[in-house]
């Protein structure tokens, strides 16, 4: 498939040929949902922990005799019924990660990129180089591409992270910078516009082929 490329002034200057097997796939909602859930599950710490009655300190002696007090019998002050006692069903550390095969992950990414192109949410540019690390330079560059702040998240994807690019975008709430290694399905799906350099889109095509 042919895709037009914009230069730094926002004008379509050239075309690039992308492999159809990667960027013209149907949107597999079930597979994409599974991959997104697996990705988000890895962000869960799962470190919650509580003490059961056997782990709470103290309570070795019987608090009072079995009969004759008029109270319910008790064998320890660390019972879950007592204040300061253990928890009945104590929480334990859990691993929430889910396994996703490499073929499934790549198929989901192909599906996502294809859907971004169909919805006209992905734009290929020649480069993402800025003259100086200034926020106004980034705002001016996005304006030249027809993007205005406040419309939604803009994801900039380059082959390698650039210092000027990072410093220019770190004060913008709706702009996110990443390289090919840092690409993830959640950021792609949640972005209003994805801007990719020519070198990056070619590397992505080779990676997902």
Protein backbone atom coordinates (compact mmCIF):
# COMPACT_ATOMS: atom_id res chain seq x y z
CA UNK A 1 0.00 0.00 0.00
CA UNK A 2 1.08 3.57 -0.71
CA UNK A 3 1.16 6.17 2.06
CA UNK A 4 1.97 9.85 1.70
CA UNK A 5 4.74 11.48 3.73
CA UNK A 6 4.67 14.98 5.21
CA UNK A 7 7.75 17.15 5.55
CA UNK A 8 8.60 19.56 8.38
CA UNK A 9 6.38 22.26 6.86
CA UNK A 10 3.32 19.99 6.83
CA UNK A 11 3.24 19.45 3.06
CA UNK A 12 2.92 16.04 1.44
CA UNK A 13 6.28 15.59 -0.26
CA UNK A 14 6.71 11.92 -1.07
CA UNK A 15 5.22 8.44 -0.79
CA UNK A 16 6.27 5.26 0.95
CA UNK A 17 5.31 1.69 0.14
CA UNK A 18 4.19 -0.37 3.12
CA UNK A 19 3.68 -4.17 3.13
CA UNK A 20 0.02 -5.09 2.78
CA UNK A 21 0.44 -8.11 5.05
CA UNK A 22 1.23 -5.77 7.96
CA UNK A 23 -0.89 -2.67 7.44
CA UNK A 24 -4.09 -3.95 5.79
CA UNK A 25 -5.20 -6.50 8.35
CA UNK A 26 -8.82 -6.66 9.62
CA UNK A 27 -9.43 -5.47 13.15
CA UNK A 28 -9.53 -8.49 15.47
CA UNK A 29 -11.30 -7.02 18.49
CA UNK A 30 -11.10 -10.17 20.61
CA UNK A 31 -7.36 -10.61 20.09
CA UNK A 32 -6.63 -6.92 20.70
CA UNK A 33 -8.69 -7.00 23.89
CA UNK A 34 -6.77 -10.03 25.15
CA UNK A 35 -3.42 -8.40 24.45
CA UNK A 36 -4.47 -5.12 26.10
CA UNK A 37 -5.70 -6.92 29.22
CA UNK A 38 -2.45 -8.89 29.41
CA UNK A 39 -0.42 -5.69 29.03
CA UNK A 40 -2.35 -3.85 31.73
CA UNK A 41 -2.23 -6.84 34.08
CA UNK A 42 1.56 -6.56 34.22
CA UNK A 43 1.18 -3.09 35.71
CA UNK A 44 -0.64 -4.52 38.73
CA UNK A 45 1.74 -4.92 41.64
CA UNK A 46 -0.19 -7.66 43.43
CA UNK A 47 1.79 -7.00 46.62
CA UNK A 48 -1.16 -6.79 49.02
CA UNK A 49 -0.70 -8.91 52.14
CA UNK A 50 -2.53 -9.38 55.43
CA UNK A 51 -1.81 -11.47 58.50
CA UNK A 52 -3.87 -14.47 59.44
CA UNK A 53 -4.48 -15.46 63.07
CA UNK A 54 -1.38 -17.67 63.04
CA UNK A 55 0.84 -14.77 61.89
CA UNK A 56 -0.33 -12.08 64.33
CA UNK A 57 2.03 -11.69 67.27
CA UNK A 58 0.77 -12.69 70.72
CA UNK A 59 -2.30 -14.58 71.79
CA UNK A 60 -0.51 -17.64 73.07
CA UNK A 61 -2.33 -17.78 76.41
CA UNK A 62 -6.02 -18.43 76.84
CA UNK A 63 -7.54 -15.02 77.78
CA UNK A 64 -9.89 -16.41 80.47
CA UNK A 65 -11.13 -19.75 81.71
CA UNK A 66 -13.49 -21.87 79.67
CA UNK A 67 -16.54 -21.82 81.97
CA UNK A 68 -18.12 -19.68 84.61
CA UNK A 69 -17.48 -16.20 83.24
CA UNK A 70 -20.72 -15.80 81.31
CA UNK A 71 -18.78 -14.91 78.16
CA UNK A 72 -18.30 -16.81 74.97
CA UNK A 73 -15.41 -19.21 75.16
CA UNK A 74 -12.16 -17.94 73.63
CA UNK A 75 -8.80 -19.58 73.14
CA UNK A 76 -6.77 -16.61 71.90
CA UNK A 77 -6.99 -12.83 71.74
CA UNK A 78 -5.74 -12.96 68.15
CA UNK A 79 -8.94 -14.51 66.83
CA UNK A 80 -10.45 -12.71 63.80
CA UNK A 81 -13.41 -11.87 66.06
CA UNK A 82 -11.21 -9.79 68.34
CA UNK A 83 -9.83 -6.32 67.76
CA UNK A 84 -6.18 -6.65 66.80
CA UNK A 85 -6.68 -10.23 65.68
CA UNK A 86 -5.83 -11.81 62.37
CA UNK A 87 -7.84 -11.57 59.16
CA UNK A 88 -10.18 -14.46 58.38
CA UNK A 89 -9.28 -14.77 54.70
CA UNK A 90 -5.95 -12.95 54.65
CA UNK A 91 -4.83 -11.51 51.33
CA UNK A 92 -1.67 -12.93 49.81
CA UNK A 93 0.74 -11.54 47.17
CA UNK A 94 -0.47 -12.45 43.70
CA UNK A 95 1.00 -12.50 40.22
CA UNK A 96 -1.56 -11.00 37.82
CA UNK A 97 0.56 -11.36 34.67
CA UNK A 98 -0.92 -13.19 31.71
CA UNK A 99 1.03 -15.01 29.05
CA UNK A 100 0.62 -13.88 25.44
CA UNK A 101 2.39 -15.71 22.65
CA UNK A 102 4.69 -13.71 20.40
CA UNK A 103 2.59 -14.50 17.32
CA UNK A 104 -0.56 -13.29 19.08
CA UNK A 105 1.11 -10.05 20.16
CA UNK A 106 2.40 -9.30 16.68
CA UNK A 107 -0.95 -10.13 15.14
CA UNK A 108 -2.65 -7.74 17.55
CA UNK A 109 -0.15 -4.97 16.73
CA UNK A 110 -0.72 -5.51 13.01
CA UNK A 111 -4.44 -5.23 13.60
CA UNK A 112 -3.99 -2.00 15.58
CA UNK A 113 -1.74 -0.34 12.99
CA UNK A 114 -4.13 -1.32 10.20
CA UNK A 115 -7.06 0.18 12.10
CA UNK A 116 -5.12 3.40 12.74
CA UNK A 117 -4.55 3.77 9.00
CA UNK A 118 -8.18 3.04 8.17
CA UNK A 119 -9.33 5.69 10.65
CA UNK A 120 -6.74 8.19 9.36
CA UNK A 121 -5.19 8.42 12.81
CA UNK A 122 -1.60 7.69 11.75
CA UNK A 123 0.66 10.15 9.96
CA UNK A 124 4.09 9.43 8.48
CA UNK A 125 6.65 12.25 8.53
CA UNK A 126 10.18 12.53 7.21
CA UNK A 127 11.74 13.20 10.62
CA UNK A 128 11.00 14.50 14.11
CA UNK A 129 14.04 16.71 14.49
CA UNK A 130 13.70 20.10 16.21
CA UNK A 131 16.13 23.00 16.04
CA UNK A 132 16.20 23.55 19.82
CA UNK A 133 14.67 21.91 22.89
CA UNK A 134 11.80 24.36 23.37
CA UNK A 135 8.14 23.65 24.05
CA UNK A 136 7.10 26.33 21.58
CA UNK A 137 9.07 24.53 18.87
CA UNK A 138 7.07 21.37 19.48
CA UNK A 139 3.77 23.27 19.49
CA UNK A 140 4.73 25.00 16.23
CA UNK A 141 5.71 21.68 14.65
CA UNK A 142 2.43 20.02 15.60
CA UNK A 143 0.53 23.06 14.31
CA UNK A 144 2.29 22.72 10.95
CA UNK A 145 0.93 19.16 10.79
CA UNK A 146 -2.59 20.42 11.45
CA UNK A 147 -2.72 19.27 15.07
CA UNK A 148 -3.92 21.50 17.89
CA UNK A 149 -3.40 21.02 21.60
CA UNK A 150 -6.44 19.76 23.48
CA UNK A 151 -7.82 17.51 20.74
CA UNK A 152 -6.42 14.36 22.30
CA UNK A 153 -3.24 12.44 22.97
CA UNK A 154 -0.57 12.70 20.27
CA UNK A 155 1.98 9.87 20.15
CA UNK A 156 5.31 10.59 18.45
CA UNK A 157 7.21 7.47 17.36
CA UNK A 158 10.82 7.71 16.23
CA UNK A 159 13.43 5.07 15.52
CA UNK A 160 15.51 6.26 18.49
CA UNK A 161 14.76 8.68 21.31
CA UNK A 162 16.05 12.19 20.72
CA UNK A 163 17.01 14.53 23.58
CA UNK A 164 15.62 17.67 21.94
CA UNK A 165 12.40 15.86 21.17
CA UNK A 166 12.00 14.66 24.74
CA UNK A 167 12.77 18.04 26.30
CA UNK A 168 10.40 19.82 23.93
CA UNK A 169 7.44 17.57 24.72
CA UNK A 170 7.80 16.86 28.43
CA UNK A 171 5.77 19.94 29.44
CA UNK A 172 2.91 19.11 27.06
CA UNK A 173 0.26 16.98 28.72
CA UNK A 174 -1.20 15.64 25.46
CA UNK A 175 2.10 14.66 23.82
CA UNK A 176 3.93 11.39 24.40
CA UNK A 177 7.31 10.35 22.97
CA UNK A 178 8.45 6.78 22.39
CA UNK A 179 10.75 4.70 20.24
CA UNK A 180 10.04 1.39 18.52
CA UNK A 181 11.09 -0.65 21.56
CA UNK A 182 8.71 1.28 23.80
CA UNK A 183 5.64 0.84 21.60
CA UNK A 184 2.65 -0.72 23.35
CA UNK A 185 -0.95 -1.43 22.31
CA UNK A 186 -2.50 0.76 25.04
CA UNK A 187 -0.69 3.93 23.92
CA UNK A 188 -1.53 3.28 20.27
CA UNK A 189 -5.22 2.70 20.91
CA UNK A 190 -5.52 5.64 23.29
CA UNK A 191 -3.91 8.18 20.97
CA UNK A 192 -5.90 10.64 18.93
CA UNK A 193 -3.04 10.83 16.40
CA UNK A 194 0.08 8.72 15.94
CA UNK A 195 2.99 10.41 14.15
CA UNK A 196 5.67 8.01 12.89
CA UNK A 197 8.90 8.75 11.08
CA UNK A 198 9.79 7.02 7.81
CA UNK A 199 12.63 5.05 9.39
CA UNK A 200 10.40 3.97 12.26
CA UNK A 201 7.52 2.78 10.06
CA UNK A 202 9.95 0.76 7.95
CA UNK A 203 11.39 -0.88 11.06
CA UNK A 204 7.88 -1.59 12.32
CA UNK A 205 7.00 -3.18 8.98
CA UNK A 206 10.03 -5.45 9.21
CA UNK A 207 9.28 -6.31 12.83
CA UNK A 208 5.63 -7.24 12.20
CA UNK A 209 6.12 -8.92 8.84
